[in-house]
């Protein structure tokens, strides 16, 4: 993996991480920027994201994905990113937490083709890719954490993924504004454990991380 690093992007990323209280090594930060470069390259042909400018990719894709990290377990865990698209938050998570096992799941072949190339070029042995509809996925082992970013409302998210959750696991849903209505419509079999308000440097928008668990 050889990528020319843009100093402005590197500064923006390092300052953003510092503002969020995240300590990532220089090689990890370089790998995050290499992911942005790869996304830029593929985006010209495949239109993976509406965001074209690399500076906005740093704020809207890298920092926005990494903001929930300090609110998730630091211990090794097995996570699935449902509707991963072009890899957010899954790829930034995998770079920042190499001891986590990440599965990126999406039904769009174009996007999972990009994801497979990304994990190859970024050398991410802790990531696996599944192409398919989440309802039909039957993994060998269930997941400690199920996450998603802009995938579905909470009711559908839980209904479609409940079979993937390990005993004692949680859903960690990335949302914009506080989802009062979605929470009110959740099934009685689950409850909101807590909600974290996230601060994303350079992003003038609300972000929340909703932690949901099964009623035991």
N, C-alpha and C. Protein backbone atom coordinates (compact mmCIF):
# COMPACT_ATOMS: atom_id res chain seq x y z
N UNK A 1 0.84 -1.19 0.00
CA UNK A 1 0.00 0.00 0.00
C UNK A 1 0.88 1.24 0.00
N UNK A 2 0.98 1.90 -1.12
CA UNK A 2 1.77 3.13 -1.21
C UNK A 2 0.88 4.25 -1.69
N UNK A 3 0.66 5.24 -0.83
CA UNK A 3 -0.21 6.36 -1.15
C UNK A 3 0.49 7.65 -0.78
N UNK A 4 0.42 8.63 -1.67
CA UNK A 4 0.97 9.95 -1.36
C UNK A 4 -0.02 10.64 -0.43
N UNK A 5 0.45 11.02 0.76
CA UNK A 5 -0.43 11.61 1.76
C UNK A 5 -0.50 13.12 1.58
N UNK A 6 -1.72 13.65 1.48
CA UNK A 6 -1.94 15.09 1.41
C UNK A 6 -1.79 15.65 2.83
N UNK A 7 -0.84 16.58 3.00
CA UNK A 7 -0.57 17.12 4.33
C UNK A 7 -1.78 17.83 4.94
N UNK A 8 -2.56 18.51 4.11
CA UNK A 8 -3.75 19.19 4.63
C UNK A 8 -4.76 18.19 5.18
N UNK A 9 -4.96 17.10 4.44
CA UNK A 9 -5.89 16.06 4.90
C UNK A 9 -5.36 15.39 6.16
N UNK A 10 -4.05 15.16 6.20
CA UNK A 10 -3.43 14.53 7.36
C UNK A 10 -3.62 15.39 8.60
N UNK A 11 -3.43 16.69 8.45
CA UNK A 11 -3.62 17.62 9.57
C UNK A 11 -5.07 17.65 10.02
N UNK A 12 -5.98 17.70 9.05
CA UNK A 12 -7.41 17.71 9.36
C UNK A 12 -7.82 16.46 10.14
N UNK A 13 -7.31 15.32 9.70
CA UNK A 13 -7.64 14.06 10.37
C UNK A 13 -7.05 14.02 11.77
N UNK A 14 -5.77 14.35 11.90
CA UNK A 14 -5.13 14.25 13.22
C UNK A 14 -5.76 15.23 14.22
N UNK A 15 -6.09 16.42 13.76
CA UNK A 15 -6.74 17.39 14.65
C UNK A 15 -8.15 16.93 15.03
N UNK A 16 -8.85 16.34 14.08
CA UNK A 16 -10.20 15.84 14.36
C UNK A 16 -10.17 14.70 15.36
N UNK A 17 -9.22 13.79 15.19
CA UNK A 17 -9.09 12.67 16.13
C UNK A 17 -8.76 13.18 17.53
N UNK A 18 -7.85 14.16 17.60
CA UNK A 18 -7.46 14.72 18.90
C UNK A 18 -8.66 15.38 19.58
N UNK A 19 -9.47 16.09 18.80
CA UNK A 19 -10.65 16.76 19.36
C UNK A 19 -11.66 15.75 19.91
N UNK A 20 -11.69 14.54 19.32
CA UNK A 20 -12.61 13.50 19.79
C UNK A 20 -11.98 12.63 20.87
N UNK A 21 -10.72 12.89 21.20
CA UNK A 21 -10.05 12.09 22.23
C UNK A 21 -9.67 10.71 21.77
N UNK A 22 -9.41 10.54 20.47
CA UNK A 22 -9.02 9.23 19.93
C UNK A 22 -7.53 9.24 19.59
N UNK A 23 -6.81 8.29 20.15
CA UNK A 23 -5.37 8.19 19.90
C UNK A 23 -5.11 7.07 18.90
N UNK A 24 -4.90 7.43 17.64
CA UNK A 24 -4.57 6.45 16.61
C UNK A 24 -3.14 6.70 16.15
N UNK A 25 -2.44 5.63 15.85
CA UNK A 25 -1.04 5.74 15.45
C UNK A 25 -0.93 6.38 14.07
N UNK A 26 0.28 6.81 13.74
CA UNK A 26 0.51 7.40 12.42
C UNK A 26 0.20 6.41 11.29
N UNK A 27 0.63 5.14 11.40
CA UNK A 27 0.26 4.17 10.35
C UNK A 27 -1.25 4.00 10.22
N UNK A 28 -1.98 4.04 11.33
CA UNK A 28 -3.45 3.93 11.26
C UNK A 28 -4.04 5.13 10.55
N UNK A 29 -3.53 6.32 10.85
CA UNK A 29 -4.03 7.53 10.19
C UNK A 29 -3.70 7.51 8.70
N UNK A 30 -2.52 7.02 8.36
CA UNK A 30 -2.15 6.91 6.94
C UNK A 30 -3.08 5.94 6.22
N UNK A 31 -3.46 4.86 6.91
CA UNK A 31 -4.36 3.88 6.30
C UNK A 31 -5.75 4.47 6.11
N UNK A 32 -6.21 5.29 7.04
CA UNK A 32 -7.50 5.96 6.90
C UNK A 32 -7.49 6.89 5.68
N UNK A 33 -6.40 7.62 5.49
CA UNK A 33 -6.29 8.52 4.35
C UNK A 33 -6.14 7.74 3.04
N UNK A 34 -5.50 6.59 3.10
CA UNK A 34 -5.41 5.73 1.91
C UNK A 34 -6.80 5.22 1.52
N UNK A 35 -7.65 4.99 2.51
CA UNK A 35 -9.04 4.60 2.25
C UNK A 35 -9.78 5.71 1.52
N UNK A 36 -9.57 6.96 1.95
CA UNK A 36 -10.19 8.12 1.28
C UNK A 36 -9.70 8.21 -0.17
N UNK A 37 -8.40 8.01 -0.37
CA UNK A 37 -7.84 8.07 -1.73
C UNK A 37 -8.44 6.99 -2.62
N UNK A 38 -8.61 5.81 -2.05
CA UNK A 38 -9.20 4.69 -2.81
C UNK A 38 -10.67 4.98 -3.13
N UNK A 39 -11.37 5.54 -2.17
CA UNK A 39 -12.77 5.90 -2.38
C UNK A 39 -12.90 6.96 -3.48
N UNK A 40 -12.01 7.93 -3.44
CA UNK A 40 -11.99 8.96 -4.50
C UNK A 40 -11.79 8.33 -5.88
N UNK A 41 -10.85 7.43 -5.95
CA UNK A 41 -10.49 6.79 -7.23
C UNK A 41 -11.68 6.00 -7.78
N UNK A 42 -12.28 5.17 -6.95
CA UNK A 42 -13.40 4.34 -7.40
C UNK A 42 -14.66 5.16 -7.64
N UNK A 43 -14.79 6.25 -6.91
CA UNK A 43 -16.00 7.06 -7.01
C UNK A 43 -16.17 7.66 -8.40
N UNK A 44 -15.07 7.89 -9.10
CA UNK A 44 -15.12 8.48 -10.44
C UNK A 44 -15.87 7.57 -11.41
N UNK A 45 -15.77 6.26 -11.19
CA UNK A 45 -16.41 5.30 -12.08
C UNK A 45 -17.70 4.73 -11.51
N UNK A 46 -17.71 4.47 -10.20
CA UNK A 46 -18.81 3.72 -9.59
C UNK A 46 -19.81 4.56 -8.82
N UNK A 47 -19.53 5.87 -8.61
CA UNK A 47 -20.44 6.76 -7.88
C UNK A 47 -20.89 6.14 -6.55
N UNK A 48 -19.92 5.84 -5.71
CA UNK A 48 -20.20 5.19 -4.42
C UNK A 48 -20.77 6.17 -3.40
N UNK A 49 -20.34 7.43 -3.47
CA UNK A 49 -20.79 8.45 -2.52
C UNK A 49 -21.00 9.77 -3.26
N UNK A 50 -21.99 10.55 -2.79
CA UNK A 50 -22.26 11.85 -3.40
C UNK A 50 -21.19 12.87 -3.03
N UNK A 51 -20.42 12.57 -2.00
CA UNK A 51 -19.36 13.49 -1.57
C UNK A 51 -18.13 13.26 -2.44
N UNK A 52 -17.67 14.29 -3.09
CA UNK A 52 -16.54 14.18 -4.02
C UNK A 52 -15.24 14.74 -3.45
N UNK A 53 -15.34 15.77 -2.61
CA UNK A 53 -14.15 16.46 -2.12
C UNK A 53 -13.49 15.65 -1.00
N UNK A 54 -12.18 15.42 -1.09
CA UNK A 54 -11.49 14.61 -0.07
C UNK A 54 -11.59 15.23 1.33
N UNK A 55 -11.62 16.57 1.42
CA UNK A 55 -11.75 17.21 2.74
C UNK A 55 -13.07 16.83 3.39
N UNK A 56 -14.13 16.83 2.61
CA UNK A 56 -15.44 16.45 3.15
C UNK A 56 -15.52 14.96 3.43
N UNK A 57 -14.78 14.16 2.69
CA UNK A 57 -14.71 12.72 2.99
C UNK A 57 -14.08 12.48 4.36
N UNK A 58 -13.08 13.31 4.70
CA UNK A 58 -12.44 13.17 6.02
C UNK A 58 -13.44 13.45 7.13
N UNK A 59 -14.21 14.53 7.00
CA UNK A 59 -15.17 14.87 8.06
C UNK A 59 -16.40 13.96 8.02
N UNK A 60 -16.99 13.81 6.83
CA UNK A 60 -18.28 13.13 6.72
C UNK A 60 -18.18 11.60 6.72
N UNK A 61 -17.04 11.07 6.36
CA UNK A 61 -16.89 9.61 6.32
C UNK A 61 -15.94 9.08 7.39
N UNK A 62 -14.76 9.68 7.54
CA UNK A 62 -13.81 9.18 8.54
C UNK A 62 -14.20 9.61 9.95
N UNK A 63 -14.23 10.92 10.21
CA UNK A 63 -14.51 11.40 11.56
C UNK A 63 -15.93 11.03 12.00
N UNK A 64 -16.87 11.12 11.09
CA UNK A 64 -18.26 10.77 11.42
C UNK A 64 -18.37 9.29 11.80
N UNK A 65 -17.60 8.43 11.12
CA UNK A 65 -17.62 7.01 11.44
C UNK A 65 -16.91 6.71 12.76
N UNK A 66 -15.83 7.45 13.04
CA UNK A 66 -15.01 7.16 14.21
C UNK A 66 -15.55 7.78 15.50
N UNK A 67 -16.44 8.74 15.39
CA UNK A 67 -16.98 9.41 16.58
C UNK A 67 -17.59 8.45 17.61
N UNK A 68 -18.24 7.34 17.20
CA UNK A 68 -18.82 6.43 18.19
C UNK A 68 -17.80 5.54 18.92
N UNK A 69 -16.55 5.51 18.46
CA UNK A 69 -15.60 4.51 18.94
C UNK A 69 -15.46 4.48 20.46
N UNK A 70 -15.35 5.65 21.09
CA UNK A 70 -15.09 5.65 22.54
C UNK A 70 -16.33 5.27 23.34
N UNK A 71 -17.46 5.10 22.65
CA UNK A 71 -18.69 4.68 23.32
C UNK A 71 -18.98 3.19 23.09
N UNK A 72 -18.03 2.51 22.46
CA UNK A 72 -18.15 1.07 22.20
C UNK A 72 -17.09 0.33 23.01
N UNK A 73 -17.26 -0.98 23.24
CA UNK A 73 -16.30 -1.72 24.06
C UNK A 73 -14.88 -1.64 23.48
N UNK A 74 -13.90 -1.50 24.35
CA UNK A 74 -12.51 -1.49 23.89
C UNK A 74 -11.99 -2.90 23.70
N UNK A 75 -12.64 -3.87 24.33
CA UNK A 75 -12.19 -5.26 24.23
C UNK A 75 -12.46 -5.81 22.83
N UNK A 76 -11.79 -6.89 22.49
CA UNK A 76 -11.98 -7.53 21.19
C UNK A 76 -13.44 -7.97 21.06
N UNK A 77 -14.02 -7.73 19.93
CA UNK A 77 -15.39 -8.16 19.71
C UNK A 77 -15.62 -8.48 18.24
N UNK A 78 -16.77 -9.08 18.01
CA UNK A 78 -17.17 -9.48 16.66
C UNK A 78 -18.36 -8.60 16.27
N UNK A 79 -18.20 -7.81 15.21
CA UNK A 79 -19.21 -6.82 14.82
C UNK A 79 -19.60 -7.00 13.37
N UNK A 80 -20.88 -6.73 13.07
CA UNK A 80 -21.33 -6.69 11.68
C UNK A 80 -21.84 -5.28 11.39
N UNK A 81 -21.42 -4.75 10.24
CA UNK A 81 -21.87 -3.45 9.75
C UNK A 81 -22.88 -3.73 8.64
N UNK A 82 -24.15 -3.49 8.94
CA UNK A 82 -25.24 -3.86 8.03
C UNK A 82 -25.52 -2.70 7.08
N UNK A 83 -25.64 -3.04 5.79
CA UNK A 83 -25.81 -1.99 4.79
C UNK A 83 -24.58 -1.12 4.72
N UNK A 84 -23.42 -1.76 4.70
CA UNK A 84 -22.14 -1.07 4.85
C UNK A 84 -21.85 -0.11 3.70
N UNK A 85 -22.46 -0.34 2.53
CA UNK A 85 -22.22 0.57 1.40
C UNK A 85 -20.77 0.55 0.97
N UNK A 86 -20.12 1.70 1.04
CA UNK A 86 -18.71 1.78 0.66
C UNK A 86 -17.79 1.59 1.87
N UNK A 87 -18.36 1.12 3.00
CA UNK A 87 -17.52 0.72 4.12
C UNK A 87 -17.53 1.58 5.35
N UNK A 88 -18.58 2.39 5.53
CA UNK A 88 -18.65 3.19 6.75
C UNK A 88 -19.83 2.74 7.62
N UNK A 89 -19.60 2.52 8.91
CA UNK A 89 -18.36 2.79 9.65
C UNK A 89 -17.35 1.63 9.67
N UNK A 90 -17.67 0.52 8.99
CA UNK A 90 -16.89 -0.71 9.15
C UNK A 90 -15.40 -0.59 8.90
N UNK A 91 -15.01 0.02 7.77
CA UNK A 91 -13.58 0.09 7.46
C UNK A 91 -12.83 1.01 8.43
N UNK A 92 -13.32 2.21 8.73
CA UNK A 92 -12.64 3.00 9.76
C UNK A 92 -12.55 2.28 11.11
N UNK A 93 -13.62 1.57 11.50
CA UNK A 93 -13.57 0.78 12.73
C UNK A 93 -12.45 -0.25 12.66
N UNK A 94 -12.37 -0.96 11.54
CA UNK A 94 -11.38 -2.04 11.39
C UNK A 94 -9.95 -1.51 11.46
N UNK A 95 -9.73 -0.32 10.91
CA UNK A 95 -8.40 0.30 10.96
C UNK A 95 -8.06 0.73 12.39
N UNK A 96 -9.05 1.31 13.06
CA UNK A 96 -8.82 1.84 14.41
C UNK A 96 -8.75 0.74 15.47
N UNK A 97 -9.44 -0.38 15.24
CA UNK A 97 -9.50 -1.46 16.22
C UNK A 97 -9.12 -2.79 15.54
N UNK A 98 -7.83 -3.01 15.32
CA UNK A 98 -7.40 -4.22 14.60
C UNK A 98 -7.71 -5.52 15.34
N UNK A 99 -8.04 -5.43 16.64
CA UNK A 99 -8.39 -6.63 17.39
C UNK A 99 -9.87 -6.99 17.23
N UNK A 100 -10.67 -6.11 16.63
CA UNK A 100 -12.06 -6.44 16.35
C UNK A 100 -12.15 -7.26 15.07
N UNK A 101 -13.15 -8.13 15.01
CA UNK A 101 -13.47 -8.85 13.78
C UNK A 101 -14.70 -8.21 13.16
N UNK A 102 -14.52 -7.63 11.97
CA UNK A 102 -15.60 -6.89 11.31
C UNK A 102 -16.13 -7.67 10.11
N UNK A 103 -17.45 -7.76 10.02
CA UNK A 103 -18.10 -8.27 8.81
C UNK A 103 -18.87 -7.12 8.19
N UNK A 104 -18.61 -6.84 6.92
CA UNK A 104 -19.31 -5.78 6.20
C UNK A 104 -20.33 -6.43 5.28
N UNK A 105 -21.58 -6.07 5.45
CA UNK A 105 -22.66 -6.74 4.74
C UNK A 105 -23.43 -5.74 3.88
N UNK A 106 -23.58 -6.06 2.60
CA UNK A 106 -24.36 -5.21 1.71
C UNK A 106 -24.90 -6.06 0.56
N UNK A 107 -26.06 -5.70 0.05
CA UNK A 107 -26.67 -6.48 -1.04
C UNK A 107 -26.22 -6.00 -2.41
N UNK A 108 -25.53 -4.85 -2.46
CA UNK A 108 -25.12 -4.25 -3.73
C UNK A 108 -23.76 -4.79 -4.17
N UNK A 109 -23.73 -5.53 -5.28
CA UNK A 109 -22.49 -6.16 -5.74
C UNK A 109 -21.41 -5.14 -6.09
N UNK A 110 -21.81 -4.01 -6.64
CA UNK A 110 -20.86 -2.96 -6.99
C UNK A 110 -20.12 -2.48 -5.74
N UNK A 111 -20.87 -2.29 -4.67
CA UNK A 111 -20.27 -1.79 -3.43
C UNK A 111 -19.41 -2.86 -2.75
N UNK A 112 -19.86 -4.11 -2.76
CA UNK A 112 -19.03 -5.13 -2.11
C UNK A 112 -17.78 -5.46 -2.94
N UNK A 113 -17.84 -5.22 -4.26
CA UNK A 113 -16.63 -5.35 -5.07
C UNK A 113 -15.60 -4.32 -4.63
N UNK A 114 -16.06 -3.08 -4.39
CA UNK A 114 -15.16 -2.05 -3.87
C UNK A 114 -14.62 -2.45 -2.50
N UNK A 115 -15.49 -2.96 -1.64
CA UNK A 115 -15.06 -3.34 -0.28
C UNK A 115 -13.99 -4.42 -0.32
N UNK A 116 -14.15 -5.40 -1.20
CA UNK A 116 -13.14 -6.46 -1.30
C UNK A 116 -11.79 -5.90 -1.75
N UNK A 117 -11.82 -4.97 -2.68
CA UNK A 117 -10.58 -4.35 -3.13
C UNK A 117 -9.97 -3.50 -2.02
N UNK A 118 -10.82 -2.82 -1.27
CA UNK A 118 -10.33 -1.96 -0.18
C UNK A 118 -9.62 -2.78 0.89
N UNK A 119 -10.21 -3.90 1.32
CA UNK A 119 -9.57 -4.68 2.38
C UNK A 119 -8.28 -5.33 1.88
N UNK A 120 -8.21 -5.57 0.56
CA UNK A 120 -6.99 -6.11 -0.03
C UNK A 120 -5.89 -5.05 -0.04
N UNK A 121 -6.21 -3.87 -0.55
CA UNK A 121 -5.20 -2.81 -0.67
C UNK A 121 -4.81 -2.22 0.68
N UNK A 122 -5.77 -2.15 1.60
CA UNK A 122 -5.50 -1.57 2.92
C UNK A 122 -4.94 -2.61 3.90
N UNK A 123 -4.90 -3.86 3.45
CA UNK A 123 -4.37 -4.96 4.27
C UNK A 123 -5.09 -5.04 5.61
N UNK A 124 -6.37 -5.40 5.52
CA UNK A 124 -7.22 -5.50 6.71
C UNK A 124 -7.65 -6.95 6.90
N UNK A 125 -6.81 -7.76 7.56
CA UNK A 125 -7.13 -9.17 7.74
C UNK A 125 -8.29 -9.42 8.70
N UNK A 126 -8.71 -8.38 9.43
CA UNK A 126 -9.80 -8.54 10.39
C UNK A 126 -11.17 -8.22 9.81
N UNK A 127 -11.24 -8.12 8.47
CA UNK A 127 -12.51 -7.78 7.81
C UNK A 127 -12.92 -8.88 6.84
N UNK A 128 -14.21 -9.22 6.86
CA UNK A 128 -14.76 -10.11 5.84
C UNK A 128 -15.99 -9.44 5.22
N UNK A 129 -16.31 -9.84 4.00
CA UNK A 129 -17.38 -9.20 3.23
C UNK A 129 -18.46 -10.24 2.92
N UNK A 130 -19.71 -9.83 3.06
CA UNK A 130 -20.84 -10.67 2.64
C UNK A 130 -21.71 -9.86 1.69
N UNK A 131 -21.97 -10.43 0.52
CA UNK A 131 -22.90 -9.82 -0.43
C UNK A 131 -24.23 -10.55 -0.31
N UNK A 132 -25.27 -9.83 0.08
CA UNK A 132 -26.57 -10.47 0.20
C UNK A 132 -27.52 -9.65 1.05
N UNK A 133 -28.79 -10.06 1.08
CA UNK A 133 -29.79 -9.39 1.89
C UNK A 133 -29.63 -9.85 3.34
N UNK A 134 -29.68 -8.90 4.26
CA UNK A 134 -29.40 -9.21 5.65
C UNK A 134 -30.35 -10.26 6.21
N UNK A 135 -31.62 -10.25 5.76
CA UNK A 135 -32.59 -11.22 6.28
C UNK A 135 -32.20 -12.66 5.97
N UNK A 136 -31.46 -12.84 4.87
CA UNK A 136 -31.12 -14.19 4.41
C UNK A 136 -29.78 -14.68 4.94
N UNK A 137 -29.03 -13.83 5.59
CA UNK A 137 -27.68 -14.19 6.05
C UNK A 137 -27.77 -15.11 7.26
N UNK A 138 -27.04 -16.21 7.21
CA UNK A 138 -26.96 -17.15 8.33
C UNK A 138 -25.49 -17.39 8.66
N UNK A 139 -24.91 -16.56 9.51
CA UNK A 139 -23.48 -16.68 9.81
C UNK A 139 -23.16 -17.89 10.68
N UNK A 140 -21.91 -18.33 10.61
CA UNK A 140 -21.50 -19.46 11.46
C UNK A 140 -21.59 -19.09 12.93
N UNK A 141 -21.22 -17.85 13.26
CA UNK A 141 -21.30 -17.37 14.64
C UNK A 141 -22.03 -16.04 14.66
N UNK A 142 -22.77 -15.79 15.73
CA UNK A 142 -23.51 -14.54 15.83
C UNK A 142 -22.59 -13.42 16.31
N UNK A 143 -23.12 -12.19 16.30
CA UNK A 143 -22.29 -11.00 16.51
C UNK A 143 -22.54 -10.35 17.86
N UNK A 144 -21.46 -9.85 18.46
CA UNK A 144 -21.55 -9.12 19.73
C UNK A 144 -22.22 -7.76 19.53
N UNK A 145 -21.93 -7.13 18.41
CA UNK A 145 -22.49 -5.80 18.11
C UNK A 145 -22.96 -5.78 16.66
N UNK A 146 -24.16 -5.26 16.46
CA UNK A 146 -24.69 -5.03 15.12
C UNK A 146 -24.82 -3.52 14.95
N UNK A 147 -24.15 -2.97 13.95
CA UNK A 147 -24.21 -1.52 13.73
C UNK A 147 -24.69 -1.22 12.33
N UNK A 148 -25.09 0.02 12.13
CA UNK A 148 -25.47 0.49 10.79
C UNK A 148 -25.42 2.01 10.78
N UNK A 149 -25.22 2.53 9.60
CA UNK A 149 -25.18 3.99 9.40
C UNK A 149 -26.06 4.29 8.20
N UNK A 150 -27.16 5.00 8.46
CA UNK A 150 -28.09 5.38 7.38
C UNK A 150 -28.60 4.17 6.61
N UNK A 151 -29.02 3.14 7.37
CA UNK A 151 -29.48 1.90 6.73
C UNK A 151 -31.00 1.79 6.73
N UNK A 152 -31.62 1.92 7.89
CA UNK A 152 -33.07 1.75 8.00
C UNK A 152 -33.53 2.37 9.31
N UNK A 153 -34.86 2.50 9.47
CA UNK A 153 -35.33 2.97 10.77
C UNK A 153 -35.11 1.86 11.80
N UNK A 154 -35.18 2.21 13.08
CA UNK A 154 -34.80 1.27 14.13
C UNK A 154 -35.67 0.02 14.14
N UNK A 155 -36.95 0.18 13.86
CA UNK A 155 -37.86 -0.96 13.87
C UNK A 155 -37.44 -2.00 12.84
N UNK A 156 -37.21 -1.56 11.60
CA UNK A 156 -36.78 -2.48 10.54
C UNK A 156 -35.37 -3.02 10.81
N UNK A 157 -34.49 -2.16 11.28
CA UNK A 157 -33.12 -2.57 11.59
C UNK A 157 -33.12 -3.74 12.56
N UNK A 158 -33.92 -3.64 13.62
CA UNK A 158 -33.98 -4.71 14.62
C UNK A 158 -34.64 -5.95 14.04
N UNK A 159 -35.75 -5.75 13.35
CA UNK A 159 -36.51 -6.89 12.81
C UNK A 159 -35.68 -7.70 11.81
N UNK A 160 -34.94 -7.00 10.95
CA UNK A 160 -34.16 -7.68 9.91
C UNK A 160 -32.89 -8.33 10.43
N UNK A 161 -32.41 -7.91 11.60
CA UNK A 161 -31.09 -8.38 12.06
C UNK A 161 -31.13 -9.16 13.37
N UNK A 162 -32.31 -9.33 13.95
CA UNK A 162 -32.40 -9.96 15.28
C UNK A 162 -31.76 -11.34 15.31
N UNK A 163 -31.84 -12.06 14.20
CA UNK A 163 -31.28 -13.42 14.15
C UNK A 163 -29.75 -13.43 14.14
N UNK A 164 -29.14 -12.25 13.98
CA UNK A 164 -27.67 -12.17 13.92
C UNK A 164 -27.03 -11.85 15.27
N UNK A 165 -27.84 -11.46 16.26
CA UNK A 165 -27.30 -10.96 17.53
C UNK A 165 -26.98 -12.09 18.50
N UNK A 166 -25.76 -12.07 19.03
CA UNK A 166 -25.34 -13.06 20.03
C UNK A 166 -26.02 -12.77 21.37
N UNK A 167 -26.10 -13.77 22.21
CA UNK A 167 -26.65 -13.58 23.56
C UNK A 167 -25.82 -12.52 24.29
N UNK A 168 -26.49 -11.56 24.88
CA UNK A 168 -25.79 -10.50 25.61
C UNK A 168 -25.25 -9.40 24.72
N UNK A 169 -25.51 -9.49 23.41
CA UNK A 169 -25.01 -8.49 22.47
C UNK A 169 -25.90 -7.26 22.41
N UNK A 170 -25.52 -6.31 21.56
CA UNK A 170 -26.31 -5.08 21.44
C UNK A 170 -26.32 -4.59 20.01
N UNK A 171 -27.37 -3.83 19.69
CA UNK A 171 -27.39 -3.03 18.48
C UNK A 171 -26.80 -1.67 18.80
N UNK A 172 -25.96 -1.15 17.93
CA UNK A 172 -25.39 0.19 18.09
C UNK A 172 -25.70 0.96 16.81
N UNK A 173 -26.82 1.66 16.82
CA UNK A 173 -27.31 2.31 15.61
C UNK A 173 -26.83 3.75 15.54
N UNK A 174 -26.20 4.11 14.41
CA UNK A 174 -25.73 5.47 14.19
C UNK A 174 -26.86 6.29 13.56
N UNK A 175 -27.25 7.35 14.26
CA UNK A 175 -28.38 8.18 13.82
C UNK A 175 -27.96 9.65 13.78
N UNK A 176 -28.76 10.45 13.08
CA UNK A 176 -28.54 11.89 13.04
C UNK A 176 -29.19 12.53 14.25
N UNK A 177 -30.35 13.19 14.05
CA UNK A 177 -31.06 13.78 15.18
C UNK A 177 -31.59 12.68 16.08
N UNK A 178 -31.87 13.03 17.34
CA UNK A 178 -32.36 12.04 18.30
C UNK A 178 -33.64 11.40 17.76
N UNK A 179 -33.67 10.09 17.61
CA UNK A 179 -34.79 9.43 16.90
C UNK A 179 -35.97 9.10 17.82
N UNK A 180 -36.62 10.12 18.36
CA UNK A 180 -37.71 9.90 19.31
C UNK A 180 -38.81 9.00 18.73
N UNK A 181 -39.26 9.30 17.52
CA UNK A 181 -40.37 8.54 16.93
C UNK A 181 -39.97 7.09 16.66
N UNK A 182 -38.76 6.89 16.13
CA UNK A 182 -38.31 5.53 15.86
C UNK A 182 -38.21 4.71 17.14
N UNK A 183 -37.72 5.32 18.21
CA UNK A 183 -37.61 4.62 19.49
C UNK A 183 -38.99 4.24 20.00
N UNK A 184 -39.95 5.13 19.84
CA UNK A 184 -41.31 4.86 20.31
C UNK A 184 -41.96 3.70 19.57
N UNK A 185 -41.51 3.44 18.34
CA UNK A 185 -42.12 2.39 17.52
C UNK A 185 -41.36 1.06 17.58
N UNK A 186 -40.34 0.98 18.41
CA UNK A 186 -39.57 -0.27 18.50
C UNK A 186 -40.41 -1.38 19.12
N UNK A 187 -40.13 -2.64 18.78
CA UNK A 187 -40.89 -3.76 19.35
C UNK A 187 -40.65 -3.88 20.86
N UNK A 188 -41.60 -4.48 21.54
CA UNK A 188 -41.52 -4.62 23.00
C UNK A 188 -40.43 -5.60 23.44
N UNK A 189 -39.89 -6.36 22.48
CA UNK A 189 -38.86 -7.36 22.82
C UNK A 189 -37.49 -6.74 23.06
N UNK A 190 -37.36 -5.42 22.80
CA UNK A 190 -36.07 -4.74 22.97
C UNK A 190 -36.27 -3.45 23.76
N UNK A 191 -35.15 -2.89 24.23
CA UNK A 191 -35.21 -1.61 24.94
C UNK A 191 -33.96 -0.80 24.64
N UNK A 192 -34.07 0.51 24.77
CA UNK A 192 -32.92 1.40 24.60
C UNK A 192 -32.14 1.41 25.90
N UNK A 193 -30.91 0.92 25.86
CA UNK A 193 -30.06 0.91 27.04
C UNK A 193 -29.61 2.34 27.36
N UNK A 194 -29.10 3.05 26.35
CA UNK A 194 -28.77 4.47 26.49
C UNK A 194 -28.46 5.03 25.11
N UNK A 195 -28.40 6.36 25.04
CA UNK A 195 -28.09 7.05 23.79
C UNK A 195 -26.95 8.03 24.04
N UNK A 196 -25.92 7.97 23.20
CA UNK A 196 -24.79 8.89 23.31
C UNK A 196 -24.93 9.99 22.26
N UNK A 197 -24.78 11.24 22.69
CA UNK A 197 -24.71 12.37 21.75
C UNK A 197 -23.26 12.50 21.28
N UNK A 198 -23.05 12.47 19.97
CA UNK A 198 -21.69 12.48 19.40
C UNK A 198 -21.34 13.87 18.88
N UNK A 199 -20.08 14.22 19.05
CA UNK A 199 -19.56 15.47 18.50
C UNK A 199 -18.56 15.14 17.39
N UNK A 200 -18.83 15.61 16.19
CA UNK A 200 -17.96 15.33 15.06
C UNK A 200 -17.32 16.64 14.60
N UNK A 201 -16.01 16.80 14.77
CA UNK A 201 -15.34 18.04 14.35
C UNK A 201 -15.56 18.33 12.87
N UNK A 202 -15.93 19.57 12.57
CA UNK A 202 -16.12 19.97 11.18
C UNK A 202 -17.47 19.61 10.60
N UNK A 203 -18.32 18.97 11.41
CA UNK A 203 -19.64 18.55 10.92
C UNK A 203 -20.71 19.29 11.71
N UNK A 204 -21.43 20.17 11.04
CA UNK A 204 -22.46 20.96 11.71
C UNK A 204 -23.79 20.22 11.63
N UNK A 205 -23.85 19.10 12.33
CA UNK A 205 -25.07 18.30 12.31
C UNK A 205 -25.12 17.44 13.56
N UNK A 206 -26.33 17.10 14.00
CA UNK A 206 -26.50 16.24 15.17
C UNK A 206 -26.14 14.80 14.81
N UNK A 207 -25.55 14.11 15.76
CA UNK A 207 -25.25 12.69 15.61
C UNK A 207 -25.49 12.00 16.95
N UNK A 208 -26.11 10.81 16.90
CA UNK A 208 -26.37 10.04 18.11
C UNK A 208 -26.06 8.57 17.87
N UNK A 209 -25.64 7.90 18.93
CA UNK A 209 -25.41 6.46 18.90
C UNK A 209 -26.41 5.83 19.86
N UNK A 210 -27.31 5.01 19.30
CA UNK A 210 -28.38 4.40 20.09
C UNK A 210 -28.00 2.96 20.42
N UNK A 211 -27.90 2.67 21.70
CA UNK A 211 -27.55 1.31 22.17
C UNK A 211 -28.85 0.58 22.54
N UNK A 212 -29.10 -0.53 21.87
CA UNK A 212 -30.36 -1.27 22.06
C UNK A 212 -30.03 -2.71 22.44
N UNK A 213 -30.80 -3.25 23.40
CA UNK A 213 -30.59 -4.63 23.83
C UNK A 213 -31.92 -5.39 23.87
N UNK A 214 -31.83 -6.71 23.85
CA UNK A 214 -33.02 -7.53 23.98
C UNK A 214 -33.50 -7.56 25.44
N UNK A 215 -34.80 -7.56 25.60
CA UNK A 215 -35.37 -7.76 26.92
C UNK A 215 -35.15 -9.23 27.31
N UNK A 216 -34.55 -9.46 28.47
CA UNK A 216 -34.25 -10.83 28.91
C UNK A 216 -35.34 -11.30 29.86
